[in-house]
Protein backbone atom coordinates (compact mmCIF):
# COMPACT_ATOMS: atom_id res chain seq x y z
CA UNK A 1 59.50 150.63 85.42
CA UNK A 2 62.58 152.11 87.09
CA UNK A 3 63.78 155.65 86.64
CA UNK A 4 66.22 156.48 83.86
CA UNK A 5 69.79 157.60 84.47
CA UNK A 6 68.80 161.12 83.33
CA UNK A 7 65.87 161.31 85.74
CA UNK A 8 67.99 160.13 88.63
CA UNK A 9 70.78 162.59 87.74
CA UNK A 10 68.29 165.49 87.73
CA UNK A 11 67.03 164.48 91.19
CA UNK A 12 70.56 164.28 92.58
CA UNK A 13 71.60 167.60 91.05
CA UNK A 14 68.60 169.41 92.54
CA UNK A 15 69.44 168.10 96.00
CA UNK A 16 73.10 169.09 95.70
CA UNK A 17 72.47 172.59 94.39
CA UNK A 18 69.84 173.27 97.02
CA UNK A 19 72.17 172.09 99.80
CA UNK A 20 75.15 173.98 98.44
CA UNK A 21 73.38 177.30 98.04
CA UNK A 22 72.68 177.60 101.77
CA UNK A 23 76.31 177.82 103.00
CA UNK A 24 77.79 178.48 99.56
CA UNK A 25 79.96 176.17 97.49
CA UNK A 26 83.73 175.97 97.77
CA UNK A 27 84.83 176.63 94.22
CA UNK A 28 88.03 175.69 92.36
CA UNK A 29 88.84 176.34 88.70
CA UNK A 30 91.20 174.46 86.41
CA UNK A 31 92.37 174.24 82.81
CA UNK A 32 92.23 170.57 81.79
CA UNK A 33 92.84 169.31 78.24
CA UNK A 34 92.72 172.91 77.02
CA UNK A 35 89.24 173.56 78.47
CA UNK A 36 87.90 175.21 81.59
CA UNK A 37 86.70 172.98 84.43
CA UNK A 38 84.97 174.14 87.61
CA UNK A 39 84.67 172.01 90.76
CA UNK A 40 82.09 173.09 93.34
CA UNK A 41 82.19 171.33 96.72
CA UNK A 42 79.71 171.30 99.60
CA UNK A 43 82.49 171.08 102.21
CA UNK A 44 86.19 171.87 102.77
CA UNK A 45 87.29 168.33 103.63
CA UNK A 46 85.86 166.93 100.42
CA UNK A 47 87.32 169.78 98.38
CA UNK A 48 90.76 169.17 99.87
CA UNK A 49 90.54 165.44 99.20
CA UNK A 50 89.46 165.68 95.57
CA UNK A 51 91.22 168.78 94.22
CA UNK A 52 94.84 168.50 95.39
CA UNK A 53 95.79 166.30 92.44
CA UNK A 54 94.77 169.11 90.04
CA UNK A 55 96.94 171.76 91.75
CA UNK A 56 99.27 172.23 88.76
CA UNK A 57 96.30 172.94 86.47
CA UNK A 58 94.69 175.67 88.59
CA UNK A 59 93.40 178.69 86.65
CA UNK A 60 91.18 181.69 86.99
CA UNK A 61 87.38 181.30 86.72
CA UNK A 62 85.76 181.09 83.30
CA UNK A 63 82.42 182.68 82.45
CA UNK A 64 81.13 179.45 80.94
CA UNK A 65 83.20 176.41 81.96
CA UNK A 66 83.17 173.46 79.63
CA UNK A 67 82.64 171.15 82.61
CA UNK A 68 81.19 171.84 86.06
CA UNK A 69 81.33 169.08 88.68
CA UNK A 70 79.48 169.25 91.97
CA UNK A 71 81.21 167.43 94.83
CA UNK A 72 78.88 166.41 97.66
CA UNK A 73 78.99 164.28 100.81
CA UNK A 74 76.35 162.27 102.60
CA UNK A 75 76.36 164.46 105.70
CA UNK A 76 75.14 167.38 103.58
CA UNK A 77 73.21 165.72 100.75
CA UNK A 78 71.17 162.52 100.94
CA UNK A 79 70.68 160.62 97.70
CA UNK A 80 67.23 159.79 96.33
CA UNK A 81 66.16 156.25 97.24
CA UNK A 82 66.51 153.08 95.19
CA UNK A 83 69.15 154.03 92.61
CA UNK A 84 69.37 150.37 91.59
CA UNK A 85 66.09 150.73 89.67
CA UNK A 86 67.94 152.66 86.95
CA UNK A 87 67.41 151.15 83.50
CA UNK A 88 70.08 149.92 81.11
CA UNK A 89 72.54 149.07 83.86
CA UNK A 90 75.50 146.90 82.99
CA UNK A 91 78.21 145.44 85.22
CA UNK A 92 81.48 147.34 85.18
CA UNK A 93 84.93 145.99 85.89
CA UNK A 94 86.22 147.47 89.16
CA UNK A 95 89.27 149.70 88.80
CA UNK A 96 90.82 148.19 91.89
CA UNK A 97 90.02 145.72 94.63
CA UNK A 98 89.74 148.70 96.97
CA UNK A 99 86.85 150.09 94.92
CA UNK A 100 84.54 147.14 95.45
CA UNK A 101 81.87 146.24 92.91
CA UNK A 102 80.89 148.98 90.45
CA UNK A 103 77.86 149.41 88.22
CA UNK A 104 77.90 151.53 85.05
CA UNK A 105 74.61 153.05 83.89
CA UNK A 106 73.90 155.00 80.73
CA UNK A 107 71.09 156.43 78.67
CA UNK A 108 70.96 158.88 75.76
CA UNK A 109 72.06 161.79 77.98
CA UNK A 110 73.78 160.60 81.16
CA UNK A 111 76.60 158.26 82.16
CA UNK A 112 76.85 157.08 85.76
CA UNK A 113 79.07 154.89 87.93
CA UNK A 114 77.78 153.52 91.25
CA UNK A 115 79.67 151.71 93.96
CA UNK A 116 77.34 148.93 95.01
CA UNK A 117 78.25 149.37 98.67
CA UNK A 118 76.70 152.85 98.46
CA UNK A 119 79.96 154.69 99.11
CA UNK A 120 80.03 156.86 95.96
CA UNK A 121 78.21 157.92 92.80
CA UNK A 122 79.69 159.63 89.71
CA UNK A 123 77.43 160.98 86.96
CA UNK A 124 77.78 163.23 83.90
CA UNK A 125 75.14 164.97 81.82
CA UNK A 126 76.69 165.08 78.35
CA UNK A 127 74.24 167.73 77.14
CA UNK A 128 74.81 170.36 79.85
CA UNK A 129 78.44 169.50 80.69
CA UNK A 130 77.50 169.15 84.37
CA UNK A 131 78.65 166.28 86.58
CA UNK A 132 78.23 165.16 90.17
CA UNK A 133 80.43 163.16 92.49
CA UNK A 134 78.77 162.07 95.72
CA UNK A 135 80.45 160.19 98.55
CA UNK A 136 79.04 158.94 101.82
CA UNK A 137 81.73 160.94 103.64
CA UNK A 138 85.15 162.48 102.86
CA UNK A 139 86.72 159.76 105.00
CA UNK A 140 85.31 157.12 102.64
CA UNK A 141 86.93 158.59 99.53
CA UNK A 142 89.31 155.74 98.60
CA UNK A 143 93.01 156.29 98.15
CA UNK A 144 92.91 155.63 94.41
CA UNK A 145 90.27 158.37 94.05
CA UNK A 146 92.44 160.91 95.85
CA UNK A 147 95.36 160.00 93.59
CA UNK A 148 93.30 160.19 90.38
CA UNK A 149 90.03 161.96 91.16
CA UNK A 150 87.03 161.98 88.84
CA UNK A 151 88.74 159.76 86.26
CA UNK A 152 85.51 158.37 84.81
CA UNK A 153 83.87 161.81 84.71
CA UNK A 154 86.85 163.34 82.94
CA UNK A 155 86.90 160.50 80.43
CA UNK A 156 83.17 160.78 79.66
CA UNK A 157 83.47 164.55 79.25
CA UNK A 158 86.67 164.28 77.24
CA UNK A 159 85.06 161.78 74.92
CA UNK A 160 82.62 164.52 73.88
CA UNK A 161 85.62 166.60 72.77
CA UNK A 162 87.76 163.98 71.03
CA UNK A 163 89.86 163.23 74.12
CA UNK A 164 90.10 160.05 76.21
CA UNK A 165 91.81 159.05 79.44
CA UNK A 166 94.39 156.28 79.03
CA UNK A 167 96.35 154.19 81.52
CA UNK A 168 99.81 155.55 80.79
CA UNK A 169 102.53 157.90 81.94
CA UNK A 170 104.01 160.76 79.94
CA UNK A 171 107.11 162.96 79.89
CA UNK A 172 108.41 165.43 77.32
CA UNK A 173 109.09 169.02 76.36
CA UNK A 174 107.00 171.73 74.75
CA UNK A 175 108.10 170.34 71.37
CA UNK A 176 106.64 166.93 72.14
CA UNK A 177 106.54 164.04 74.53
CA UNK A 178 106.33 160.29 74.93
CA UNK A 179 103.47 158.16 76.18
CA UNK A 180 104.73 155.29 78.37
CA UNK A 181 102.36 152.32 78.28
CA UNK A 182 102.22 148.87 79.80
CA UNK A 183 100.65 146.78 82.52
CA UNK A 184 101.34 147.22 86.22
CA UNK A 185 104.92 146.29 87.06
CA UNK A 186 106.28 147.08 83.60
CA UNK A 187 108.33 150.01 84.91
CA UNK A 188 106.18 152.95 83.77
CA UNK A 189 106.32 154.84 87.07
CA UNK A 190 110.02 154.17 87.55
CA UNK A 191 110.83 155.42 84.06
CA UNK A 192 108.70 158.54 84.39
CA UNK A 193 110.01 159.47 87.84
CA UNK A 194 113.60 158.84 86.76
CA UNK A 195 113.13 161.76 84.33
CA UNK A 196 112.42 164.31 87.07
CA UNK A 197 115.13 166.95 87.14
CA UNK A 198 116.37 165.97 83.67
CA UNK A 199 114.70 168.76 81.73
CA UNK A 200 111.83 166.52 80.68
CA UNK A 201 108.47 167.73 82.00
CA UNK A 202 106.10 165.46 83.91
CA UNK A 203 102.52 164.97 82.68
CA UNK A 204 101.61 161.88 84.71
CA UNK A 205 102.73 158.39 85.67
CA UNK A 206 99.52 156.36 85.74
CA UNK A 207 96.85 158.28 83.85
CA UNK A 208 96.78 161.03 81.23
CA UNK A 209 94.38 162.10 78.51
CA UNK A 210 95.13 161.98 74.79
CA UNK A 211 93.23 163.84 72.09
CA UNK A 212 93.17 162.57 68.52
CA UNK A 213 93.59 164.47 65.30
CA UNK A 214 96.33 164.97 62.74
CA UNK A 215 98.67 165.91 65.62
CA UNK A 216 97.62 164.03 68.80
CA UNK A 217 98.11 165.82 72.12
CA UNK A 218 98.91 164.50 75.59
CA UNK A 219 97.09 166.26 78.44
CA UNK A 220 98.15 166.07 82.07
CA UNK A 221 95.44 165.26 84.61
CA UNK A 222 97.13 164.69 87.97
CA UNK A 223 100.29 165.82 89.77
CA UNK A 224 100.37 162.59 91.79
CA UNK A 225 102.85 159.75 91.51
CA UNK A 226 102.96 156.24 92.94
CA UNK A 227 105.92 153.97 93.59
CA UNK A 228 107.01 151.18 95.90
CA UNK A 229 108.71 152.80 98.95
CA UNK A 230 111.74 150.53 98.86
CA UNK A 231 112.31 151.14 95.17
CA UNK A 232 111.92 154.86 95.67
CA UNK A 233 114.59 155.03 98.37
CA UNK A 234 117.05 152.76 96.57
CA UNK A 235 116.68 153.83 92.96
CA UNK A 236 115.37 157.38 93.13
CA UNK A 237 116.92 158.91 96.27
CA UNK A 238 116.27 162.46 95.03
CA UNK A 239 112.56 161.76 95.64
CA UNK A 240 112.95 160.09 99.03
CA UNK A 241 111.93 163.28 100.85
CA UNK A 242 108.54 163.03 99.16
CA UNK A 243 107.80 159.96 101.27
CA UNK A 244 107.53 162.17 104.32
CA UNK A 245 104.39 163.75 102.85
CA UNK A 246 103.07 160.63 101.15
CA UNK A 247 100.36 158.19 101.95
CA UNK A 248 99.80 154.58 101.06
CA UNK A 249 98.06 153.98 97.78
CA UNK A 250 96.59 150.82 96.35
CA UNK A 251 98.69 147.78 95.41
CA UNK A 252 101.25 148.54 98.14
CA UNK A 253 102.58 151.71 96.53
CA UNK A 254 103.01 155.12 98.12
CA UNK A 255 101.15 158.05 96.63
CA UNK A 256 102.65 161.52 96.78
CA UNK A 257 102.08 164.92 95.18
CA UNK A 258 104.69 166.51 92.93
CA UNK A 259 103.38 170.08 92.84
CA UNK A 260 105.72 171.04 95.69
CA UNK A 261 108.71 168.99 94.56
CA UNK A 262 111.43 171.24 93.16
CA UNK A 263 112.78 168.51 90.89
CA UNK A 264 109.42 168.10 89.14
CA UNK A 265 108.77 170.28 86.14
CA UNK A 266 105.03 169.86 85.76
CA UNK A 267 103.23 170.57 82.51
CA UNK A 268 99.66 170.81 81.26
CA UNK A 269 100.65 168.77 78.21
CA UNK A 270 102.49 168.59 74.90
CA UNK A 271 102.23 167.06 71.41
CA UNK A 272 102.48 163.28 71.30
CA UNK A 273 105.62 162.28 69.38
CA UNK A 274 106.32 158.68 70.44
CA UNK A 275 104.98 155.72 72.40
CA UNK A 276 107.32 153.77 74.67
CA UNK A 277 106.76 150.31 76.14
CA UNK A 278 108.98 149.99 79.25
CA UNK A 279 110.51 146.60 79.98
CA UNK A 280 112.70 145.81 82.99
CA UNK A 281 115.99 144.17 81.96
CA UNK A 282 119.11 142.95 83.68
CA UNK A 283 121.37 145.21 81.64
CA UNK A 284 123.06 148.37 82.92
CA UNK A 285 122.01 150.88 80.27
CA UNK A 286 118.63 151.71 78.84
CA UNK A 287 118.04 151.22 75.12
CA UNK A 288 115.14 151.33 72.67
CA UNK A 289 114.01 149.26 69.71
CA UNK A 290 111.10 149.90 67.34
CA UNK A 291 107.86 147.93 67.51
CA UNK A 292 104.59 148.04 65.58
CA UNK A 293 101.55 150.13 66.47
CA UNK A 294 99.69 146.87 67.01
CA UNK A 295 102.14 145.85 69.71
CA UNK A 296 101.73 149.26 71.33
CA UNK A 297 97.94 148.89 71.26
CA UNK A 298 98.19 145.51 72.99
CA UNK A 299 100.24 147.18 75.73
CA UNK A 300 97.88 150.13 76.18
CA UNK A 301 94.36 148.87 75.57
CA UNK A 302 93.73 146.09 78.14
CA UNK A 303 94.49 148.08 81.27
CA UNK A 304 92.76 151.20 79.91
CA UNK A 305 89.60 149.28 79.06
CA UNK A 306 89.74 147.50 82.42
CA UNK A 307 89.89 150.75 84.38
CA UNK A 308 87.18 152.75 82.61
CA UNK A 309 83.50 151.86 82.14
CA UNK A 310 81.56 151.71 78.90
CA UNK A 311 82.19 152.72 75.27
CA UNK A 312 84.77 149.99 74.72
CA UNK A 313 84.63 150.02 70.94
CA UNK A 314 84.93 153.81 70.80
CA UNK A 315 87.88 153.74 73.22
CA UNK A 316 89.64 151.01 71.27
CA UNK A 317 89.16 152.90 68.00
CA UNK A 318 90.43 156.11 69.62
CA UNK A 319 93.60 154.43 70.90
CA UNK A 320 94.25 152.62 67.61
CA UNK A 321 93.91 155.84 65.60
CA UNK A 322 96.36 157.69 67.86
CA UNK A 323 98.94 154.91 67.88
CA UNK A 324 98.93 154.70 64.09
CA UNK A 325 100.14 158.31 63.90
CA UNK A 326 103.30 158.06 66.04
CA UNK A 327 106.30 155.70 66.20
CA UNK A 328 106.43 153.08 68.96
CA UNK A 329 109.49 151.64 70.72
CA UNK A 330 110.23 149.19 73.46
CA UNK A 331 112.14 150.99 76.20
CA UNK A 332 114.48 148.41 77.73
CA UNK A 333 115.14 149.82 81.21
CA UNK A 334 118.68 149.44 82.50
CA UNK A 335 119.61 149.23 86.16
CA UNK A 336 121.40 152.57 85.79
CA UNK A 337 118.33 154.79 85.97
CA UNK A 338 120.36 157.84 84.98
CA UNK A 339 120.34 156.47 81.41
CA UNK A 340 116.54 156.53 81.12
CA UNK A 341 115.98 160.26 80.52
CA UNK A 342 118.70 160.60 77.85
CA UNK A 343 117.34 157.53 76.07
CA UNK A 344 113.81 158.97 76.00
CA UNK A 345 115.11 162.36 74.91
CA UNK A 346 116.97 160.74 71.99
CA UNK A 347 113.73 159.12 70.79
CA UNK A 348 111.92 162.46 71.04
CA UNK A 349 114.71 164.29 69.22
CA UNK A 350 114.48 161.81 66.34
CA UNK A 351 110.70 162.14 66.25
CA UNK A 352 110.71 165.96 66.10
CA UNK A 353 113.36 166.39 63.42
């Protein structure tokens, strides 16, 4: 009989903590979804690769963080042998072709995600609030992971606190914001980035967390953005300088960080007031039109479920409950991108009256 996910997690954690205590961990602290998160890395290269996207959420250390994640690399920590013996393993849909084949494992205490080529392992102990992310080397951390690090870990942990990661962008003000949902190519990133410098704050363009309740909240996760280089230069010239410090991301887009961009007003989050479904049109000006919560769910759920492993029914229920509480609109994107921010702001003004 193979080892359980919990047994394997305990073995990995012992190896990481023993290795890290010799030179000392590199520690970073953040405030994510209203809770304290501590990342402890065995090396500077790995820390730099996996923490930059959280720069806007940096905070002082907490006595008892809600989540502690150990980041380790193969040159410092070797994994226990034969992880494929873990019980209750189920195939997981890969987030991206770049990720290769993934396997999701789970038992009563631990969730885990393994790349079958041996390049990385992510695991979370739901009882202790401790996670691990292991990679064969910092150089093998894929580009999508640098853009949106620890996405599965944050979703598993958030699920324990009524909060889930969704495939969406978000902009707004302290009074409330809009969740922009849709499949790749729908115009989410363009719409979100067109709002920079408009007075609307940026929470994310490709992944945020949303907590349920009587008043749902949007929580920022990453200060990264991704867009086609040609579109960026032509349509959003005020961001063209960001390309100088960008790197290629998956699906031909460039990934860049907004924490140093003066036009980006970054936020930790805001109340959810509306859901917008961007659609590219041939018209000049952007407009909106109401749609049902069911239509919004069809726009949000498939890509979210595709990107994240396990708990599909719980995720679907979470998204459906949230979308029933706020109005939804199609956002018909005009070619004049300067009309996008005022159009979104008008929807938010109506929703907060």
